[in-house]
C-alpha cells in the first residue's frame, strides 16, 4: 500500500531529526505564472512600448524562465526548507536594447540575485531578503 510507505518515510524522517519540506508549499510556488506587481515597494505598470508584463515561472525541474521587461531570461533555482529559495546568479538574459528606463529591468533581475526567501499568501508571492520589506511582489495569473 503506497500510503503505508509514505507514512513510514515520514516517521523515519521525524526520527532522524530532518526537517520535512512541505510538498504543499512547493506546489504553491512551482508551475505558476508570477506577474510582477510591485518592485521595491512601488507599483509596476507596463509602459507603452513594453512587449508584455514582467513575470517568471519556476518549473519542477528547478529551472526558471521569464521576461524582465525588454529581455527574456532563464536559469536555475533551488527551494530549501522554511520557504528559503536560491537562484543561480548566472542567469542567461537575451541582449535586446532597453531604451525605456521606466521598465527597471536591471532592478527586476537583481531581485533574483538578492532574494533568499519567499512568502505566499493566496495568489500573492513576495520575494524577500532576510526579514526586510519585500524586494518584489507578484500575483499568480491563470490562463
C-alpha atoms as a PDB file:
ATOM      1  CA  UNK A   1       0.000   0.000   0.000  1.00  0.00           C
ATOM      2  CA  UNK A   2       1.612   3.307  -1.106  1.00  0.00           C
ATOM      3  CA  UNK A   3       0.139   5.251   1.854  1.00  0.00           C
ATOM      4  CA  UNK A   4       1.831   2.912   4.336  1.00  0.00           C
ATOM      5  CA  UNK A   5       5.181   3.503   2.633  1.00  0.00           C
ATOM      6  CA  UNK A   6       4.626   7.253   2.715  1.00  0.00           C
ATOM      7  CA  UNK A   7       3.817   7.144   6.447  1.00  0.00           C
ATOM      8  CA  UNK A   8       6.896   5.014   7.183  1.00  0.00           C
ATOM      9  CA  UNK A   9       9.110   7.507   5.340  1.00  0.00           C
ATOM     10  CA  UNK A  10       7.600  10.421   7.303  1.00  0.00           C
ATOM     11  CA  UNK A  11       8.131   8.604  10.622  1.00  0.00           C
ATOM     12  CA  UNK A  12      11.736   7.742   9.700  1.00  0.00           C
ATOM     13  CA  UNK A  13      12.333  11.356   8.714  1.00  0.00           C
ATOM     14  CA  UNK A  14      10.940  12.581  12.047  1.00  0.00           C
ATOM     15  CA  UNK A  15      13.091  10.056  13.966  1.00  0.00           C
ATOM     16  CA  UNK A  16      16.228  11.178  12.140  1.00  0.00           C
ATOM     17  CA  UNK A  17      15.522  14.812  13.068  1.00  0.00           C
ATOM     18  CA  UNK A  18      15.371  16.029   9.484  1.00  0.00           C
ATOM     19  CA  UNK A  19      13.055  18.884   8.608  1.00  0.00           C
ATOM     20  CA  UNK A  20      10.260  17.782   6.315  1.00  0.00           C
ATOM     21  CA  UNK A  21       9.792  20.149   3.400  1.00  0.00           C
ATOM     22  CA  UNK A  22       6.095  20.606   2.884  1.00  0.00           C
ATOM     23  CA  UNK A  23       5.181  19.453  -0.611  1.00  0.00           C
ATOM     24  CA  UNK A  24       2.144  21.718  -0.348  1.00  0.00           C
ATOM     25  CA  UNK A  25       4.291  24.872  -0.115  1.00  0.00           C
ATOM     26  CA  UNK A  26       6.440  23.684  -3.003  1.00  0.00           C
ATOM     27  CA  UNK A  27       3.382  23.096  -5.182  1.00  0.00           C
ATOM     28  CA  UNK A  28       2.122  26.614  -4.425  1.00  0.00           C
ATOM     29  CA  UNK A  29       5.155  28.323  -5.992  1.00  0.00           C
ATOM     30  CA  UNK A  30       6.040  25.922  -8.846  1.00  0.00           C
ATOM     31  CA  UNK A  31       4.500  25.928 -12.336  1.00  0.00           C
ATOM     32  CA  UNK A  32       2.706  29.238 -11.863  1.00  0.00           C
ATOM     33  CA  UNK A  33       2.953  32.378 -13.959  1.00  0.00           C
ATOM     34  CA  UNK A  34       4.051  35.047 -11.461  1.00  0.00           C
ATOM     35  CA  UNK A  35       3.348  38.576 -12.740  1.00  0.00           C
ATOM     36  CA  UNK A  36       5.310  41.430 -11.142  1.00  0.00           C
ATOM     37  CA  UNK A  37       3.032  43.899  -9.329  1.00  0.00           C
ATOM     38  CA  UNK A  38       5.429  45.832  -7.062  1.00  0.00           C
ATOM     39  CA  UNK A  39       9.192  46.366  -7.192  1.00  0.00           C
ATOM     40  CA  UNK A  40      10.980  47.917  -4.187  1.00  0.00           C
ATOM     41  CA  UNK A  41       7.579  48.881  -2.774  1.00  0.00           C
ATOM     42  CA  UNK A  42       6.483  50.754  -5.921  1.00  0.00           C
ATOM     43  CA  UNK A  43       3.560  49.615  -8.120  1.00  0.00           C
ATOM     44  CA  UNK A  44       4.666  48.355 -11.537  1.00  0.00           C
ATOM     45  CA  UNK A  45       2.799  49.451 -14.658  1.00  0.00           C
ATOM     46  CA  UNK A  46       3.554  48.364 -18.207  1.00  0.00           C
ATOM     47  CA  UNK A  47       4.998  51.073 -20.442  1.00  0.00           C
ATOM     48  CA  UNK A  48       3.510  51.857 -23.865  1.00  0.00           C
ATOM     49  CA  UNK A  49       6.277  50.116 -25.821  1.00  0.00           C
ATOM     50  CA  UNK A  50       6.663  47.121 -23.499  1.00  0.00           C
ATOM     51  CA  UNK A  51       6.127  43.774 -25.246  1.00  0.00           C
ATOM     52  CA  UNK A  52       4.496  42.101 -22.213  1.00  0.00           C
ATOM     53  CA  UNK A  53       4.402  42.233 -18.428  1.00  0.00           C
ATOM     54  CA  UNK A  54       7.396  41.248 -16.298  1.00  0.00           C
ATOM     55  CA  UNK A  55       6.955  37.707 -14.996  1.00  0.00           C
ATOM     56  CA  UNK A  56       8.656  34.429 -14.147  1.00  0.00           C
ATOM     57  CA  UNK A  57       7.780  30.740 -13.907  1.00  0.00           C
ATOM     58  CA  UNK A  58       9.545  28.184 -11.703  1.00  0.00           C
ATOM     59  CA  UNK A  59       9.455  24.752 -13.343  1.00  0.00           C
ATOM     60  CA  UNK A  60       9.505  21.485 -11.400  1.00  0.00           C
ATOM     61  CA  UNK A  61      12.918  20.625 -12.941  1.00  0.00           C
ATOM     62  CA  UNK A  62      14.460  23.536 -10.956  1.00  0.00           C
ATOM     63  CA  UNK A  63      14.616  25.906 -13.920  1.00  0.00           C
ATOM     64  CA  UNK A  64      13.267  29.436 -14.019  1.00  0.00           C
ATOM     65  CA  UNK A  65      12.319  31.449 -17.072  1.00  0.00           C
ATOM     66  CA  UNK A  66      10.624  34.753 -17.557  1.00  0.00           C
ATOM     67  CA  UNK A  67      10.533  38.200 -19.100  1.00  0.00           C
ATOM     68  CA  UNK A  68      12.326  41.142 -17.464  1.00  0.00           C
ATOM     69  CA  UNK A  69      10.644  43.966 -19.399  1.00  0.00           C
ATOM     70  CA  UNK A  70      12.772  44.029 -22.560  1.00  0.00           C
ATOM     71  CA  UNK A  71      14.631  40.736 -22.385  1.00  0.00           C
ATOM     72  CA  UNK A  72      13.844  37.109 -21.654  1.00  0.00           C
ATOM     73  CA  UNK A  73      15.857  35.253 -19.033  1.00  0.00           C
ATOM     74  CA  UNK A  74      16.357  31.726 -17.737  1.00  0.00           C
ATOM     75  CA  UNK A  75      18.403  29.944 -15.126  1.00  0.00           C
ATOM     76  CA  UNK A  76      18.075  27.584 -12.202  1.00  0.00           C
ATOM     77  CA  UNK A  77      16.803  27.794  -8.639  1.00  0.00           C
ATOM     78  CA  UNK A  78      16.744  25.675  -5.502  1.00  0.00           C
ATOM     79  CA  UNK A  79      13.990  25.505  -2.893  1.00  0.00           C
ATOM     80  CA  UNK A  80      15.082  24.822   0.671  1.00  0.00           C
ATOM     81  CA  UNK A  81      13.220  24.253   3.927  1.00  0.00           C
ATOM     82  CA  UNK A  82      11.377  27.074   5.700  1.00  0.00           C
ATOM     83  CA  UNK A  83      10.445  28.882   2.454  1.00  0.00           C
ATOM     84  CA  UNK A  84      14.051  29.571   1.569  1.00  0.00           C
ATOM     85  CA  UNK A  85      14.964  29.935  -2.099  1.00  0.00           C
ATOM     86  CA  UNK A  86      18.195  30.429  -4.006  1.00  0.00           C
ATOM     87  CA  UNK A  87      18.519  31.493  -7.621  1.00  0.00           C
ATOM     88  CA  UNK A  88      21.612  30.795  -9.717  1.00  0.00           C
ATOM     89  CA  UNK A  89      23.439  34.110 -10.110  1.00  0.00           C
ATOM     90  CA  UNK A  90      24.445  33.324 -13.700  1.00  0.00           C
ATOM     91  CA  UNK A  91      21.094  33.647 -15.435  1.00  0.00           C
ATOM     92  CA  UNK A  92      21.088  33.786 -19.215  1.00  0.00           C
ATOM     93  CA  UNK A  93      19.496  37.010 -20.479  1.00  0.00           C
ATOM     94  CA  UNK A  94      18.801  37.994 -24.089  1.00  0.00           C
ATOM     95  CA  UNK A  95      20.607  41.170 -25.182  1.00  0.00           C
ATOM     96  CA  UNK A  96      17.857  43.368 -26.619  1.00  0.00           C
ATOM     97  CA  UNK A  97      18.438  47.100 -26.050  1.00  0.00           C
ATOM     98  CA  UNK A  98      16.096  48.528 -23.424  1.00  0.00           C
ATOM     99  CA  UNK A  99      15.538  52.226 -24.187  1.00  0.00           C
ATOM    100  CA  UNK A 100      12.761  52.826 -21.650  1.00  0.00           C
ATOM    101  CA  UNK A 101      14.310  53.447 -18.230  1.00  0.00           C
ATOM    102  CA  UNK A 102      10.855  53.192 -16.599  1.00  0.00           C
ATOM    103  CA  UNK A 103      10.919  49.425 -17.143  1.00  0.00           C
ATOM    104  CA  UNK A 104      13.644  48.999 -14.463  1.00  0.00           C
ATOM    105  CA  UNK A 105      14.817  45.727 -15.978  1.00  0.00           C
ATOM    106  CA  UNK A 106      18.083  45.625 -14.012  1.00  0.00           C
ATOM    107  CA  UNK A 107      16.221  46.154 -10.704  1.00  0.00           C
ATOM    108  CA  UNK A 108      13.851  43.312 -11.589  1.00  0.00           C
ATOM    109  CA  UNK A 109      16.696  40.894 -12.399  1.00  0.00           C
ATOM    110  CA  UNK A 110      18.551  41.962  -9.245  1.00  0.00           C
ATOM    111  CA  UNK A 111      15.638  40.595  -7.169  1.00  0.00           C
ATOM    112  CA  UNK A 112      16.728  37.068  -8.152  1.00  0.00           C
ATOM    113  CA  UNK A 113      20.332  37.766  -7.094  1.00  0.00           C
ATOM    114  CA  UNK A 114      19.286  39.092  -3.676  1.00  0.00           C
ATOM    115  CA  UNK A 115      16.196  37.086  -2.672  1.00  0.00           C
ATOM    116  CA  UNK A 116      16.719  34.289  -0.162  1.00  0.00           C
ATOM    117  CA  UNK A 117      13.156  33.561   0.996  1.00  0.00           C
ATOM    118  CA  UNK A 118       9.564  33.828  -0.116  1.00  0.00           C
ATOM    119  CA  UNK A 119       6.081  34.184   1.348  1.00  0.00           C
ATOM    120  CA  UNK A 120       2.901  33.063  -0.401  1.00  0.00           C
ATOM    121  CA  UNK A 121      -0.481  34.398   0.694  1.00  0.00           C
ATOM    122  CA  UNK A 122      -3.250  33.137  -1.566  1.00  0.00           C
ATOM    123  CA  UNK A 123      -2.229  34.134  -5.102  1.00  0.00           C
ATOM    124  CA  UNK A 124       0.383  36.665  -3.962  1.00  0.00           C
ATOM    125  CA  UNK A 125       4.105  35.873  -3.762  1.00  0.00           C
ATOM    126  CA  UNK A 126       6.723  38.064  -2.055  1.00  0.00           C
ATOM    127  CA  UNK A 127      10.425  37.549  -2.729  1.00  0.00           C
ATOM    128  CA  UNK A 128      12.451  38.830   0.209  1.00  0.00           C
ATOM    129  CA  UNK A 129      15.978  39.131   1.532  1.00  0.00           C
ATOM    130  CA  UNK A 130      16.200  38.335   5.232  1.00  0.00           C
ATOM    131  CA  UNK A 131      13.332  39.861   7.192  1.00  0.00           C
ATOM    132  CA  UNK A 132      13.275  43.186   5.347  1.00  0.00           C
ATOM    133  CA  UNK A 133      10.408  44.549   3.244  1.00  0.00           C
ATOM    134  CA  UNK A 134       9.729  42.526   0.070  1.00  0.00           C
ATOM    135  CA  UNK A 135      12.085  43.128  -2.853  1.00  0.00           C
ATOM    136  CA  UNK A 136       9.214  42.344  -5.209  1.00  0.00           C
ATOM    137  CA  UNK A 137       5.607  41.182  -5.038  1.00  0.00           C
ATOM    138  CA  UNK A 138       3.993  39.007  -7.702  1.00  0.00           C
ATOM    139  CA  UNK A 139       0.487  37.845  -8.464  1.00  0.00           C
ATOM    140  CA  UNK A 140      -0.374  34.419  -9.899  1.00  0.00           C
ATOM    141  CA  UNK A 141      -2.033  34.644 -13.318  1.00  0.00           C
ATOM    142  CA  UNK A 142      -4.165  31.752 -14.526  1.00  0.00           C
ATOM    143  CA  UNK A 143      -4.830  31.253 -18.225  1.00  0.00           C
END
